[in-house]
Protein backbone atom coordinates (compact mmCIF):
# COMPACT_ATOMS: atom_id res chain seq x y z
CA MET A 1 -4.60 -21.30 4.94
CA ASN A 2 -5.37 -18.13 2.98
CA LEU A 3 -3.68 -16.94 -0.20
CA CYS A 4 -3.69 -13.17 -0.76
CA ILE A 5 -2.58 -11.76 -4.11
CA ASP A 6 -1.86 -8.13 -4.99
CA ARG A 7 -1.21 -7.82 -8.73
CA GLY A 8 0.40 -4.58 -9.90
CA ASN A 9 1.41 -3.21 -13.28
CA SER A 10 4.90 -4.68 -13.28
CA SER A 11 4.91 -7.36 -10.57
CA THR A 12 2.74 -9.40 -8.24
CA LYS A 13 2.97 -9.76 -4.47
CA ALA A 14 1.43 -12.70 -2.67
CA ALA A 15 1.28 -13.97 0.89
CA ILE A 16 0.20 -17.10 2.72
CA PHE A 17 -1.68 -16.59 5.99
CA ASN A 18 -2.60 -19.14 8.64
CA HIS A 19 -5.70 -17.36 9.92
CA SER A 20 -4.22 -13.91 10.77
CA GLU A 21 -0.57 -14.99 10.95
CA LEU A 22 1.58 -14.23 7.92
CA VAL A 23 3.44 -17.44 7.10
CA GLU A 24 5.38 -16.44 3.99
CA ASN A 25 5.30 -13.79 1.29
CA PHE A 26 6.42 -13.79 -2.34
CA HIS A 27 7.30 -11.42 -5.17
CA PHE A 28 6.73 -12.45 -8.79
CA ASP A 29 7.78 -10.67 -11.97
CA ILE A 30 5.61 -13.16 -13.86
CA PHE A 31 2.47 -14.59 -12.28
CA GLY A 32 0.54 -17.30 -14.08
CA GLN A 33 -0.42 -20.96 -13.98
CA ASN A 34 3.03 -22.28 -13.01
CA GLU A 35 3.39 -19.89 -10.08
CA ILE A 36 -0.14 -20.55 -8.85
CA THR A 37 0.31 -24.33 -9.11
CA LYS A 38 3.49 -24.21 -7.01
CA LEU A 39 1.77 -22.18 -4.30
CA PHE A 40 -1.08 -24.66 -4.03
CA GLU A 41 1.35 -27.60 -4.07
CA ASN A 42 3.46 -26.13 -1.27
CA PHE A 43 0.70 -24.91 1.04
CA PRO A 44 -2.73 -26.28 2.06
CA ILE A 45 -4.54 -23.24 0.69
CA LYS A 46 -8.29 -23.15 1.20
CA ASN A 47 -9.33 -19.54 0.62
CA CYS A 48 -8.03 -16.94 -1.83
CA ILE A 49 -8.45 -13.22 -2.52
CA PHE A 50 -7.20 -11.57 -5.69
CA SER A 51 -6.66 -7.83 -6.18
CA SER A 52 -5.35 -6.36 -9.42
CA VAL A 53 -4.80 -3.01 -11.10
CA VAL A 54 -4.50 -4.61 -14.54
CA THR A 55 -7.40 -5.84 -16.67
CA GLU A 56 -5.98 -9.02 -18.25
CA ASN A 57 -6.76 -11.39 -15.38
CA ASP A 58 -9.25 -13.87 -16.85
CA GLU A 59 -6.87 -16.85 -17.03
CA VAL A 60 -5.46 -16.25 -13.55
CA ILE A 61 -8.94 -15.89 -12.03
CA ILE A 62 -10.17 -19.10 -13.66
CA ILE A 63 -7.21 -21.06 -12.24
CA LEU A 64 -7.59 -19.57 -8.75
CA LYS A 65 -11.32 -20.30 -8.68
CA LYS A 66 -10.70 -23.94 -9.61
CA LYS A 67 -8.04 -24.46 -6.97
CA SER A 68 -9.69 -22.57 -4.09
CA HIS A 69 -12.57 -23.68 -1.91
CA PHE A 70 -13.53 -20.01 -1.50
CA PHE A 71 -12.42 -17.26 -3.89
CA ILE A 72 -13.14 -13.55 -4.17
CA GLU A 73 -11.83 -10.83 -6.43
CA LEU A 74 -11.61 -7.48 -4.68
CA THR A 75 -13.91 -4.92 -6.34
CA HIS A 76 -15.93 -1.96 -5.10
CA PHE A 77 -18.80 -4.41 -4.57
CA THR A 78 -16.85 -6.60 -2.13
CA LYS A 79 -18.13 -6.71 1.45
CA LEU A 80 -15.75 -4.91 3.79
CA PRO A 81 -15.07 -4.98 7.55
CA ILE A 82 -15.11 -1.16 7.54
CA GLN A 83 -17.46 1.54 6.26
CA ASN A 84 -16.16 3.11 3.06
CA LEU A 85 -17.30 6.76 2.86
CA TYR A 86 -15.35 7.56 -0.32
CA GLU A 87 -17.77 9.24 -2.73
CA SER A 88 -16.53 7.30 -5.78
CA PRO A 89 -15.65 3.83 -4.42
CA GLU A 90 -15.29 2.45 -7.94
CA THR A 91 -12.29 4.76 -8.51
CA LEU A 92 -10.57 4.11 -5.17
CA GLY A 93 -7.32 2.19 -5.56
CA LYS A 94 -7.64 -1.31 -4.17
CA ASP A 95 -4.23 -1.01 -2.52
CA ARG A 96 -5.34 2.14 -0.70
CA LEU A 97 -8.46 0.40 0.57
CA ALA A 98 -6.60 -2.74 1.64
CA SER A 99 -3.90 -0.77 3.44
CA VAL A 100 -6.33 1.12 5.69
CA ILE A 101 -8.17 -2.13 6.46
CA GLY A 102 -4.85 -3.75 7.33
CA ALA A 103 -3.90 -0.86 9.58
CA SER A 104 -7.30 -0.87 11.28
CA PHE A 105 -6.90 -4.58 11.95
CA LEU A 106 -3.43 -4.09 13.49
CA LYS A 107 -4.53 -1.05 15.53
CA PRO A 108 -8.24 -1.54 16.28
CA SER A 109 -10.30 1.37 17.64
CA LYS A 110 -7.61 3.87 16.63
CA ASP A 111 -7.61 6.91 14.36
CA ILE A 112 -5.07 6.02 11.68
CA LEU A 113 -3.22 7.74 8.85
CA VAL A 114 -1.73 5.33 6.30
CA ILE A 115 1.06 6.65 4.08
CA ASP A 116 2.01 4.49 1.10
CA ALA A 117 5.24 5.76 -0.46
CA GLY A 118 5.72 4.38 -3.95
CA THR A 119 5.52 5.82 -7.46
CA ALA A 120 2.81 8.01 -5.97
CA ILE A 121 2.46 8.82 -2.28
CA THR A 122 -1.01 8.22 -0.90
CA TYR A 123 -2.38 9.52 2.38
CA ASP A 124 -5.45 7.70 3.67
CA PHE A 125 -7.36 8.16 6.90
CA ILE A 126 -9.61 5.77 8.80
CA ASN A 127 -11.10 6.74 12.15
CA SER A 128 -11.56 4.77 15.35
CA LYS A 129 -15.12 3.86 14.27
CA LYS A 130 -13.70 2.03 11.22
CA GLU A 131 -14.96 4.72 8.86
CA TYR A 132 -12.69 5.37 5.89
CA LEU A 133 -12.98 9.12 5.29
CA GLY A 134 -10.73 9.51 2.26
CA GLY A 135 -7.23 10.65 1.45
CA ASN A 136 -4.88 12.37 -0.97
CA ILE A 137 -2.52 11.40 -3.79
CA ALA A 138 0.82 13.12 -4.39
CA PRO A 139 3.81 12.40 -6.65
CA GLY A 140 6.48 10.10 -5.23
CA ILE A 141 10.15 10.97 -4.97
CA ASN A 142 11.32 9.50 -8.29
CA LEU A 143 8.36 11.06 -10.08
CA ARG A 144 9.28 14.47 -8.66
CA LEU A 145 12.89 14.14 -9.78
CA ARG A 146 11.91 12.93 -13.25
CA SER A 147 9.39 15.75 -13.65
CA LEU A 148 12.01 18.37 -12.77
CA HIS A 149 14.25 16.93 -15.46
CA GLU A 150 11.63 16.46 -18.17
CA PHE A 151 9.82 19.77 -17.76
CA THR A 152 12.91 21.98 -17.61
CA GLN A 153 15.73 22.45 -20.10
CA ARG A 154 18.81 22.34 -17.91
CA LEU A 155 18.08 20.35 -14.76
CA PRO A 156 19.66 16.87 -14.84
CA LEU A 157 18.00 13.59 -13.97
CA VAL A 158 19.53 12.56 -10.64
CA GLN A 159 19.45 9.45 -8.50
CA ILE A 160 17.90 9.59 -5.04
CA ASN A 161 20.22 9.51 -2.04
CA SER A 162 18.66 9.20 1.39
CA GLU A 163 21.76 10.74 3.01
CA SER A 164 21.37 14.10 1.25
CA PRO A 165 21.90 17.24 3.35
CA LEU A 166 19.01 19.49 4.30
CA LEU A 167 20.35 22.18 1.97
CA GLY A 168 21.93 21.19 -1.32
CA VAL A 169 25.48 22.33 -2.02
CA ASP A 170 25.28 21.83 -5.81
CA THR A 171 22.56 21.29 -8.39
CA ASN A 172 22.42 17.52 -7.98
CA SER A 173 22.13 17.61 -4.20
CA ALA A 174 19.69 20.54 -4.39
CA LEU A 175 17.39 18.44 -6.57
CA VAL A 176 17.61 15.36 -4.36
CA SER A 177 17.25 17.28 -1.10
CA GLY A 178 14.38 19.32 -2.50
CA ALA A 179 12.45 16.19 -3.40
CA LEU A 180 13.41 14.20 -0.30
CA TYR A 181 12.84 16.85 2.35
CA GLY A 182 9.82 18.22 0.52
CA ILE A 183 8.17 14.83 1.08
CA ILE A 184 9.41 14.59 4.68
CA PHE A 185 7.94 18.01 5.52
CA GLU A 186 4.78 17.07 3.64
CA ILE A 187 4.35 13.91 5.70
CA ASP A 188 5.12 15.70 8.97
CA GLY A 189 2.60 18.38 7.98
CA TYR A 190 -0.19 15.87 7.43
CA ILE A 191 0.56 14.16 10.74
CA SER A 192 0.72 17.37 12.82
CA THR A 193 -2.45 18.78 11.21
CA LEU A 194 -4.48 15.61 11.74
CA LYS A 195 -3.24 15.36 15.35
CA ILE A 196 -5.00 18.65 16.13
CA LYS A 197 -8.36 16.89 15.67
CA TYR A 198 -7.15 13.35 16.40
CA PRO A 199 -4.50 13.67 19.14
CA GLN A 200 -4.09 9.89 19.53
CA LEU A 201 -3.43 9.42 15.81
CA SER A 202 -1.48 6.32 14.80
CA VAL A 203 0.60 6.49 11.62
CA PHE A 204 1.53 3.60 9.32
CA LEU A 205 4.15 3.90 6.60
CA THR A 206 4.34 1.35 3.80
CA GLY A 207 5.48 1.12 0.18
CA GLY A 208 8.73 0.68 -1.71
CA SER A 209 10.19 4.08 -0.79
CA THR A 210 9.53 3.80 2.95
CA PHE A 211 13.20 3.50 3.88
CA TYR A 212 13.94 6.98 2.49
CA PHE A 213 11.70 8.64 5.08
CA ASP A 214 11.01 6.42 8.10
CA THR A 215 14.00 7.53 10.20
CA LYS A 216 13.69 11.23 9.33
CA LEU A 217 10.12 11.91 10.46
CA LYS A 218 9.38 13.82 13.66
CA SER A 219 6.48 11.62 14.74
CA PRO A 220 6.68 7.94 15.69
CA ILE A 221 5.37 5.65 12.95
CA PHE A 222 4.72 1.97 12.34
CA ALA A 223 6.58 0.76 9.25
CA GLU A 224 4.81 -2.28 7.77
CA LYS A 225 5.79 -3.40 4.27
CA ASN A 226 3.04 -6.03 4.10
CA LEU A 227 0.16 -3.73 5.04
CA VAL A 228 -1.78 -4.25 1.78
CA LEU A 229 -1.50 -8.04 2.03
CA ILE A 230 -2.57 -7.94 5.69
CA GLY A 231 -5.58 -5.90 4.65
CA LEU A 232 -6.44 -8.32 1.85
CA ASN A 233 -6.33 -11.19 4.33
CA ARG A 234 -8.67 -9.33 6.67
CA ILE A 235 -11.12 -8.72 3.80
CA LEU A 236 -10.94 -12.39 2.88
CA GLN A 237 -11.56 -13.50 6.46
CA TYR A 238 -14.54 -11.17 6.74
CA ASN A 239 -16.13 -12.56 3.57
CA VAL A 240 -15.51 -16.17 4.57
CA GLN A 241 -17.24 -15.53 7.90
CA ASN A 242 -20.13 -13.65 6.32
């Protein structure tokens, strides 16, 4: 079995795969020796991949290396099952890279746009030849609402509501609808523009804010919350085989 770990700033996601099949996934607020030990006690883990956006990982990496038969840490030097054409691969977010690899694995030989809706919204494109061509980064919905509050004198900080009307009827609903539908139209705009050149475009939506948008978009999408972990597993498999 494979253990795939995605360590973020505030929490860690992990998943157990039996070859390509996701067996179970986990969410940890704290991820250290105790959590790792339990995973290895409960599953016959052989291979492990570790991806992190934080720098204090030495202890975790040492433990994972000791417990795994095969271990890799995802960096811009890691061998990939795709061609990465990003001009500064060392600055590319590991989650962005893993998500397009996961999408390409699920939809092989397809042109794919991956949208990850979280604190930021990322748009990443990989073509049918498995060439990652790049993408864009935009503020997420809560970041937009907080910015409107913090950079103006009178606009309140409001809570998101996915059932907001298209046009706000008061200041609170105007703020929420402006942020919500601004992102919806943004996403639809990316999809329709890319479909001019790539008419068979497949679209994946992932990230913590997915449920705000997935039912409101014009185009059909594939919602996959575990896309990054699926991509990490594919990277791990590729490196084990090579």
